[in-house]
Amino acid sequence: DAGQWAEAKPFLERATPLETWKTRHYYYLGQAYYECGDYARAKEKLLLALDRGLEERWESQAHFILGFIEHNLSDTRAAKREFELCASTADERYIDMPKLWAWLEETSRTLGLLTEAENYRKLRMNLQRSKAN
């Protein structure tokens, strides 16, 4: 969690976690691959973590990262779906909600869903106003 993903990646790749830690290990390995720009492997590990029943806090973060991965892989529809899945379980302590609403606004706009994009813009603006007060 120190943001040193390139340094952590080789250790994560060599680790043999206990069964109770495997799901979270897949999540961290997926995040390390994402941070290092290996989107295909990141997606594989994050989906594996989700399939194994990643806890809700980590689930929303995995969907958030998967949204960025899909965006980087030029699949806007899949990116939007992942951001929506993130929003459905998001906890403001762990997810940057203004950033999430901005990405949902952007992906909706790109897909021509202008009413949806405007709704996400309003959510973002309302949240930013409430944080400013």
N, C-alpha and C. Protein backbone atom coordinates (compact mmCIF):
# COMPACT_ATOMS: atom_id res chain seq x y z
N ASP A 1 0.81 -1.21 0.00
CA ASP A 1 0.00 0.00 0.00
C ASP A 1 0.85 1.27 0.00
N ALA A 2 2.16 1.14 -0.14
CA ALA A 2 3.05 2.30 -0.09
C ALA A 2 3.24 2.94 -1.47
N GLY A 3 2.57 2.41 -2.49
CA GLY A 3 2.68 2.99 -3.82
C GLY A 3 3.94 2.60 -4.58
N GLN A 4 4.67 1.64 -4.07
CA GLN A 4 5.91 1.21 -4.73
C GLN A 4 5.65 -0.11 -5.47
N TRP A 5 4.77 -0.01 -6.46
CA TRP A 5 4.30 -1.21 -7.14
C TRP A 5 5.37 -1.90 -7.95
N ALA A 6 6.23 -1.16 -8.62
CA ALA A 6 7.29 -1.79 -9.41
C ALA A 6 8.22 -2.61 -8.52
N GLU A 7 8.50 -2.09 -7.33
CA GLU A 7 9.36 -2.81 -6.39
C GLU A 7 8.64 -4.02 -5.78
N ALA A 8 7.34 -3.89 -5.56
CA ALA A 8 6.56 -4.96 -4.93
C ALA A 8 6.25 -6.10 -5.88
N LYS A 9 6.14 -5.79 -7.17
CA LYS A 9 5.69 -6.78 -8.16
C LYS A 9 6.49 -8.08 -8.13
N PRO A 10 7.82 -8.06 -8.14
CA PRO A 10 8.55 -9.33 -8.14
C PRO A 10 8.27 -10.16 -6.88
N PHE A 11 8.11 -9.49 -5.75
CA PHE A 11 7.81 -10.21 -4.51
C PHE A 11 6.41 -10.82 -4.57
N LEU A 12 5.46 -10.05 -5.09
CA LEU A 12 4.10 -10.56 -5.23
C LEU A 12 4.05 -11.75 -6.19
N GLU A 13 4.84 -11.68 -7.26
CA GLU A 13 4.86 -12.78 -8.24
C GLU A 13 5.45 -14.06 -7.64
N ARG A 14 6.41 -13.91 -6.73
CA ARG A 14 7.06 -15.09 -6.13
C ARG A 14 6.33 -15.61 -4.89
N ALA A 15 5.45 -14.81 -4.33
CA ALA A 15 4.79 -15.17 -3.07
C ALA A 15 3.87 -16.38 -3.25
N THR A 16 3.82 -17.17 -2.21
CA THR A 16 2.88 -18.30 -2.14
C THR A 16 2.02 -18.06 -0.89
N PRO A 17 0.93 -17.31 -1.06
CA PRO A 17 0.13 -16.94 0.11
C PRO A 17 -0.68 -18.13 0.65
N LEU A 18 -1.02 -18.03 1.91
CA LEU A 18 -1.94 -19.00 2.50
C LEU A 18 -3.27 -18.91 1.77
N GLU A 19 -4.04 -19.97 1.81
CA GLU A 19 -5.33 -19.99 1.11
C GLU A 19 -6.21 -18.80 1.50
N THR A 20 -6.19 -18.43 2.77
CA THR A 20 -7.04 -17.32 3.23
C THR A 20 -6.61 -15.96 2.67
N TRP A 21 -5.39 -15.86 2.16
CA TRP A 21 -4.89 -14.60 1.60
C TRP A 21 -4.83 -14.59 0.08
N LYS A 22 -5.15 -15.71 -0.58
CA LYS A 22 -5.00 -15.78 -2.03
C LYS A 22 -5.83 -14.74 -2.78
N THR A 23 -7.06 -14.54 -2.34
CA THR A 23 -7.92 -13.58 -3.04
C THR A 23 -7.34 -12.19 -2.98
N ARG A 24 -6.93 -11.77 -1.79
CA ARG A 24 -6.32 -10.44 -1.65
C ARG A 24 -5.00 -10.39 -2.40
N HIS A 25 -4.24 -11.46 -2.43
CA HIS A 25 -2.98 -11.52 -3.17
C HIS A 25 -3.23 -11.27 -4.65
N TYR A 26 -4.27 -11.90 -5.21
CA TYR A 26 -4.61 -11.66 -6.62
C TYR A 26 -4.93 -10.19 -6.85
N TYR A 27 -5.66 -9.59 -5.89
CA TYR A 27 -5.99 -8.18 -6.01
C TYR A 27 -4.71 -7.33 -6.06
N TYR A 28 -3.81 -7.55 -5.11
CA TYR A 28 -2.58 -6.75 -5.06
C TYR A 28 -1.71 -6.99 -6.29
N LEU A 29 -1.65 -8.21 -6.74
CA LEU A 29 -0.87 -8.50 -7.95
C LEU A 29 -1.50 -7.80 -9.15
N GLY A 30 -2.83 -7.82 -9.22
CA GLY A 30 -3.52 -7.11 -10.29
C GLY A 30 -3.25 -5.61 -10.24
N GLN A 31 -3.25 -5.05 -9.05
CA GLN A 31 -2.96 -3.62 -8.94
C GLN A 31 -1.52 -3.33 -9.33
N ALA A 32 -0.60 -4.20 -8.94
CA ALA A 32 0.81 -4.01 -9.31
C ALA A 32 0.97 -4.04 -10.83
N TYR A 33 0.34 -5.00 -11.48
CA TYR A 33 0.41 -5.07 -12.94
C TYR A 33 -0.19 -3.82 -13.57
N TYR A 34 -1.32 -3.35 -13.03
CA TYR A 34 -1.94 -2.14 -13.56
C TYR A 34 -0.99 -0.95 -13.44
N GLU A 35 -0.43 -0.77 -12.25
CA GLU A 35 0.46 0.37 -12.01
C GLU A 35 1.71 0.31 -12.88
N CYS A 36 2.10 -0.90 -13.30
CA CYS A 36 3.27 -1.07 -14.15
C CYS A 36 2.90 -1.09 -15.64
N GLY A 37 1.62 -0.89 -15.95
CA GLY A 37 1.18 -0.79 -17.34
C GLY A 37 0.92 -2.12 -18.04
N ASP A 38 0.89 -3.21 -17.30
CA ASP A 38 0.60 -4.53 -17.89
C ASP A 38 -0.89 -4.80 -17.72
N TYR A 39 -1.70 -4.19 -18.59
CA TYR A 39 -3.14 -4.19 -18.41
C TYR A 39 -3.78 -5.56 -18.57
N ALA A 40 -3.29 -6.36 -19.49
CA ALA A 40 -3.88 -7.69 -19.69
C ALA A 40 -3.72 -8.56 -18.45
N ARG A 41 -2.52 -8.59 -17.89
CA ARG A 41 -2.29 -9.39 -16.68
C ARG A 41 -3.00 -8.79 -15.48
N ALA A 42 -3.09 -7.48 -15.42
CA ALA A 42 -3.81 -6.81 -14.32
C ALA A 42 -5.28 -7.22 -14.35
N LYS A 43 -5.87 -7.16 -15.52
CA LYS A 43 -7.27 -7.53 -15.67
C LYS A 43 -7.49 -8.98 -15.26
N GLU A 44 -6.63 -9.85 -15.71
CA GLU A 44 -6.73 -11.28 -15.37
C GLU A 44 -6.73 -11.50 -13.86
N LYS A 45 -5.79 -10.89 -13.16
CA LYS A 45 -5.67 -11.08 -11.70
C LYS A 45 -6.82 -10.44 -10.94
N LEU A 46 -7.25 -9.26 -11.37
CA LEU A 46 -8.36 -8.60 -10.68
C LEU A 46 -9.66 -9.38 -10.87
N LEU A 47 -9.88 -9.89 -12.07
CA LEU A 47 -11.08 -10.70 -12.31
C LEU A 47 -11.03 -11.99 -11.50
N LEU A 48 -9.86 -12.57 -11.38
CA LEU A 48 -9.69 -13.77 -10.56
C LEU A 48 -10.01 -13.46 -9.10
N ALA A 49 -9.53 -12.34 -8.61
CA ALA A 49 -9.82 -11.93 -7.23
C ALA A 49 -11.33 -11.75 -7.03
N LEU A 50 -11.98 -11.11 -7.98
CA LEU A 50 -13.43 -10.90 -7.89
C LEU A 50 -14.18 -12.23 -7.95
N ASP A 51 -13.75 -13.12 -8.82
CA ASP A 51 -14.39 -14.44 -8.93
C ASP A 51 -14.27 -15.25 -7.65
N ARG A 52 -13.18 -15.03 -6.92
CA ARG A 52 -12.96 -15.78 -5.67
C ARG A 52 -13.66 -15.15 -4.46
N GLY A 53 -14.35 -14.03 -4.66
CA GLY A 53 -15.12 -13.43 -3.58
C GLY A 53 -14.36 -12.39 -2.78
N LEU A 54 -13.75 -11.46 -3.46
CA LEU A 54 -13.04 -10.36 -2.82
C LEU A 54 -13.99 -9.59 -1.91
N GLU A 55 -13.51 -9.19 -0.72
CA GLU A 55 -14.36 -8.45 0.22
C GLU A 55 -14.84 -7.14 -0.43
N GLU A 56 -15.99 -6.66 0.07
CA GLU A 56 -16.66 -5.52 -0.55
C GLU A 56 -15.76 -4.29 -0.71
N ARG A 57 -15.00 -3.94 0.33
CA ARG A 57 -14.11 -2.77 0.23
C ARG A 57 -13.15 -2.93 -0.94
N TRP A 58 -12.59 -4.09 -1.07
CA TRP A 58 -11.61 -4.34 -2.12
C TRP A 58 -12.30 -4.54 -3.47
N GLU A 59 -13.54 -5.05 -3.41
CA GLU A 59 -14.30 -5.26 -4.64
C GLU A 59 -14.52 -3.95 -5.38
N SER A 60 -14.94 -2.92 -4.66
CA SER A 60 -15.18 -1.64 -5.32
C SER A 60 -13.88 -1.07 -5.89
N GLN A 61 -12.78 -1.24 -5.17
CA GLN A 61 -11.49 -0.76 -5.67
C GLN A 61 -11.06 -1.55 -6.91
N ALA A 62 -11.33 -2.84 -6.91
CA ALA A 62 -10.98 -3.66 -8.08
C ALA A 62 -11.76 -3.20 -9.31
N HIS A 63 -13.06 -2.91 -9.12
CA HIS A 63 -13.86 -2.42 -10.25
C HIS A 63 -13.38 -1.04 -10.72
N PHE A 64 -12.94 -0.21 -9.77
CA PHE A 64 -12.41 1.11 -10.13
C PHE A 64 -11.17 0.95 -11.02
N ILE A 65 -10.25 0.10 -10.60
CA ILE A 65 -9.04 -0.15 -11.39
C ILE A 65 -9.40 -0.78 -12.73
N LEU A 66 -10.34 -1.73 -12.72
CA LEU A 66 -10.76 -2.36 -13.98
C LEU A 66 -11.35 -1.33 -14.93
N GLY A 67 -12.03 -0.32 -14.40
CA GLY A 67 -12.53 0.76 -15.25
C GLY A 67 -11.40 1.47 -15.98
N PHE A 68 -10.32 1.76 -15.26
CA PHE A 68 -9.16 2.40 -15.89
C PHE A 68 -8.49 1.47 -16.90
N ILE A 69 -8.42 0.19 -16.55
CA ILE A 69 -7.83 -0.78 -17.47
C ILE A 69 -8.61 -0.82 -18.78
N GLU A 70 -9.94 -0.94 -18.66
CA GLU A 70 -10.78 -1.00 -19.87
C GLU A 70 -10.64 0.30 -20.67
N HIS A 71 -10.56 1.42 -19.98
CA HIS A 71 -10.34 2.70 -20.69
C HIS A 71 -9.02 2.66 -21.46
N ASN A 72 -7.97 2.18 -20.81
CA ASN A 72 -6.66 2.09 -21.46
C ASN A 72 -6.65 1.07 -22.59
N LEU A 73 -7.53 0.09 -22.52
CA LEU A 73 -7.65 -0.91 -23.60
C LEU A 73 -8.67 -0.46 -24.66
N SER A 74 -9.15 0.78 -24.55
CA SER A 74 -10.06 1.41 -25.51
C SER A 74 -11.43 0.75 -25.57
N ASP A 75 -11.91 0.24 -24.45
CA ASP A 75 -13.26 -0.33 -24.39
C ASP A 75 -14.10 0.54 -23.45
N THR A 76 -14.65 1.61 -23.99
CA THR A 76 -15.39 2.58 -23.18
C THR A 76 -16.62 1.97 -22.53
N ARG A 77 -17.32 1.11 -23.24
CA ARG A 77 -18.52 0.48 -22.69
C ARG A 77 -18.16 -0.37 -21.47
N ALA A 78 -17.09 -1.17 -21.58
CA ALA A 78 -16.64 -1.99 -20.46
C ALA A 78 -16.13 -1.12 -19.31
N ALA A 79 -15.45 -0.03 -19.63
CA ALA A 79 -14.97 0.89 -18.59
C ALA A 79 -16.15 1.45 -17.81
N LYS A 80 -17.17 1.90 -18.52
CA LYS A 80 -18.36 2.45 -17.86
C LYS A 80 -19.00 1.40 -16.96
N ARG A 81 -19.12 0.18 -17.46
CA ARG A 81 -19.72 -0.91 -16.66
C ARG A 81 -18.93 -1.13 -15.37
N GLU A 82 -17.60 -1.12 -15.46
CA GLU A 82 -16.77 -1.30 -14.26
C GLU A 82 -16.91 -0.13 -13.29
N PHE A 83 -16.96 1.09 -13.81
CA PHE A 83 -17.15 2.25 -12.94
C PHE A 83 -18.53 2.19 -12.27
N GLU A 84 -19.55 1.72 -12.99
CA GLU A 84 -20.88 1.57 -12.40
C GLU A 84 -20.87 0.51 -11.30
N LEU A 85 -20.17 -0.59 -11.52
CA LEU A 85 -20.05 -1.63 -10.49
C LEU A 85 -19.33 -1.07 -9.27
N CYS A 86 -18.32 -0.26 -9.49
CA CYS A 86 -17.62 0.39 -8.39
C CYS A 86 -18.58 1.28 -7.61
N ALA A 87 -19.35 2.09 -8.31
CA ALA A 87 -20.28 3.02 -7.67
C ALA A 87 -21.33 2.29 -6.83
N SER A 88 -21.70 1.08 -7.25
CA SER A 88 -22.75 0.35 -6.53
C SER A 88 -22.31 -0.12 -5.15
N THR A 89 -21.00 -0.20 -4.92
CA THR A 89 -20.50 -0.65 -3.61
C THR A 89 -19.46 0.30 -3.02
N ALA A 90 -19.32 1.47 -3.63
CA ALA A 90 -18.24 2.40 -3.23
C ALA A 90 -18.39 2.89 -1.80
N ASP A 91 -17.26 2.97 -1.14
CA ASP A 91 -17.15 3.54 0.20
C ASP A 91 -16.23 4.74 0.06
N GLU A 92 -16.73 5.93 0.42
CA GLU A 92 -15.98 7.17 0.22
C GLU A 92 -14.64 7.18 0.94
N ARG A 93 -14.46 6.30 1.92
CA ARG A 93 -13.16 6.24 2.61
C ARG A 93 -12.08 5.65 1.69
N TYR A 94 -12.49 4.89 0.69
CA TYR A 94 -11.52 4.18 -0.14
C TYR A 94 -11.58 4.56 -1.62
N ILE A 95 -12.66 5.18 -2.04
CA ILE A 95 -12.83 5.55 -3.45
C ILE A 95 -12.94 7.06 -3.55
N ASP A 96 -12.22 7.64 -4.48
CA ASP A 96 -12.30 9.08 -4.76
C ASP A 96 -13.59 9.31 -5.55
N MET A 97 -14.67 9.63 -4.84
CA MET A 97 -15.98 9.74 -5.47
C MET A 97 -16.05 10.82 -6.55
N PRO A 98 -15.49 12.02 -6.34
CA PRO A 98 -15.53 12.99 -7.45
C PRO A 98 -14.85 12.44 -8.72
N LYS A 99 -13.77 11.73 -8.53
CA LYS A 99 -13.07 11.13 -9.68
C LYS A 99 -13.94 10.05 -10.33
N LEU A 100 -14.61 9.24 -9.51
CA LEU A 100 -15.49 8.21 -10.05
C LEU A 100 -16.64 8.83 -10.85
N TRP A 101 -17.30 9.87 -10.29
CA TRP A 101 -18.39 10.52 -11.01
C TRP A 101 -17.87 11.17 -12.29
N ALA A 102 -16.66 11.72 -12.25
CA ALA A 102 -16.09 12.34 -13.46
C ALA A 102 -15.86 11.30 -14.55
N TRP A 103 -15.37 10.12 -14.16
CA TRP A 103 -15.14 9.06 -15.15
C TRP A 103 -16.45 8.52 -15.69
N LEU A 104 -17.47 8.41 -14.84
CA LEU A 104 -18.77 7.98 -15.32
C LEU A 104 -19.37 9.02 -16.26
N GLU A 105 -19.16 10.29 -15.93
CA GLU A 105 -19.61 11.36 -16.82
C GLU A 105 -18.91 11.26 -18.17
N GLU A 106 -17.60 11.10 -18.14
CA GLU A 106 -16.81 11.03 -19.38
C GLU A 106 -17.18 9.83 -20.23
N THR A 107 -17.28 8.65 -19.61
CA THR A 107 -17.60 7.45 -20.40
C THR A 107 -19.02 7.55 -20.95
N SER A 108 -19.95 8.10 -20.18
CA SER A 108 -21.32 8.26 -20.66
C SER A 108 -21.36 9.22 -21.85
N ARG A 109 -20.63 10.33 -21.73
CA ARG A 109 -20.58 11.32 -22.81
C ARG A 109 -19.98 10.69 -24.08
N THR A 110 -18.90 9.94 -23.92
CA THR A 110 -18.25 9.29 -25.06
C THR A 110 -19.20 8.32 -25.75
N LEU A 111 -20.05 7.66 -24.98
CA LEU A 111 -21.00 6.70 -25.53
C LEU A 111 -22.27 7.37 -26.05
N GLY A 112 -22.33 8.70 -25.96
CA GLY A 112 -23.49 9.44 -26.46
C GLY A 112 -24.66 9.45 -25.49
N LEU A 113 -24.43 9.08 -24.25
CA LEU A 113 -25.47 9.05 -23.22
C LEU A 113 -25.44 10.37 -22.46
N LEU A 114 -25.91 11.40 -23.13
CA LEU A 114 -25.75 12.76 -22.63
C LEU A 114 -26.56 13.04 -21.36
N THR A 115 -27.76 12.50 -21.24
CA THR A 115 -28.56 12.70 -20.03
C THR A 115 -27.87 12.04 -18.84
N GLU A 116 -27.37 10.83 -19.05
CA GLU A 116 -26.62 10.14 -18.00
C GLU A 116 -25.37 10.93 -17.62
N ALA A 117 -24.66 11.41 -18.62
CA ALA A 117 -23.45 12.19 -18.37
C ALA A 117 -23.77 13.42 -17.52
N GLU A 118 -24.86 14.08 -17.83
CA GLU A 118 -25.26 15.26 -17.06
C GLU A 118 -25.62 14.89 -15.62
N ASN A 119 -26.27 13.76 -15.43
CA ASN A 119 -26.59 13.31 -14.07
C ASN A 119 -25.33 13.04 -13.26
N TYR A 120 -24.34 12.42 -13.87
CA TYR A 120 -23.07 12.17 -13.19
C TYR A 120 -22.34 13.48 -12.90
N ARG A 121 -22.42 14.44 -13.83
CA ARG A 121 -21.81 15.74 -13.60
C ARG A 121 -22.44 16.42 -12.38
N LYS A 122 -23.75 16.33 -12.27
CA LYS A 122 -24.45 16.93 -11.13
C LYS A 122 -24.04 16.25 -9.82
N LEU A 123 -23.91 14.92 -9.84
CA LEU A 123 -23.46 14.21 -8.64
C LEU A 123 -22.07 14.69 -8.22
N ARG A 124 -21.19 14.82 -9.21
CA ARG A 124 -19.82 15.28 -8.94
C ARG A 124 -19.83 16.69 -8.37
N MET A 125 -20.58 17.58 -9.00
CA MET A 125 -20.62 18.98 -8.56
C MET A 125 -21.23 19.10 -7.16
N ASN A 126 -22.30 18.36 -6.89
CA ASN A 126 -22.93 18.40 -5.57
C ASN A 126 -21.98 17.89 -4.50
N LEU A 127 -21.26 16.85 -4.79
CA LEU A 127 -20.30 16.30 -3.84
C LEU A 127 -19.17 17.29 -3.59
N GLN A 128 -18.66 17.91 -4.63
CA GLN A 128 -17.60 18.89 -4.47
C GLN A 128 -18.07 20.10 -3.66
N ARG A 129 -19.32 20.53 -3.88
CA ARG A 129 -19.87 21.65 -3.12
C ARG A 129 -20.01 21.28 -1.64
N SER A 130 -20.49 20.08 -1.37
CA SER A 130 -20.69 19.66 0.02
C SER A 130 -19.35 19.52 0.75
N LYS A 131 -18.30 19.10 0.05
CA LYS A 131 -16.97 18.99 0.67
C LYS A 131 -16.36 20.37 0.92
N ALA A 132 -16.74 21.35 0.08
CA ALA A 132 -16.20 22.71 0.23
C ALA A 132 -16.82 23.41 1.44
N ASN A 133 -18.01 22.98 1.82
CA ASN A 133 -18.71 23.63 2.95
C ASN A 133 -18.31 23.07 4.26
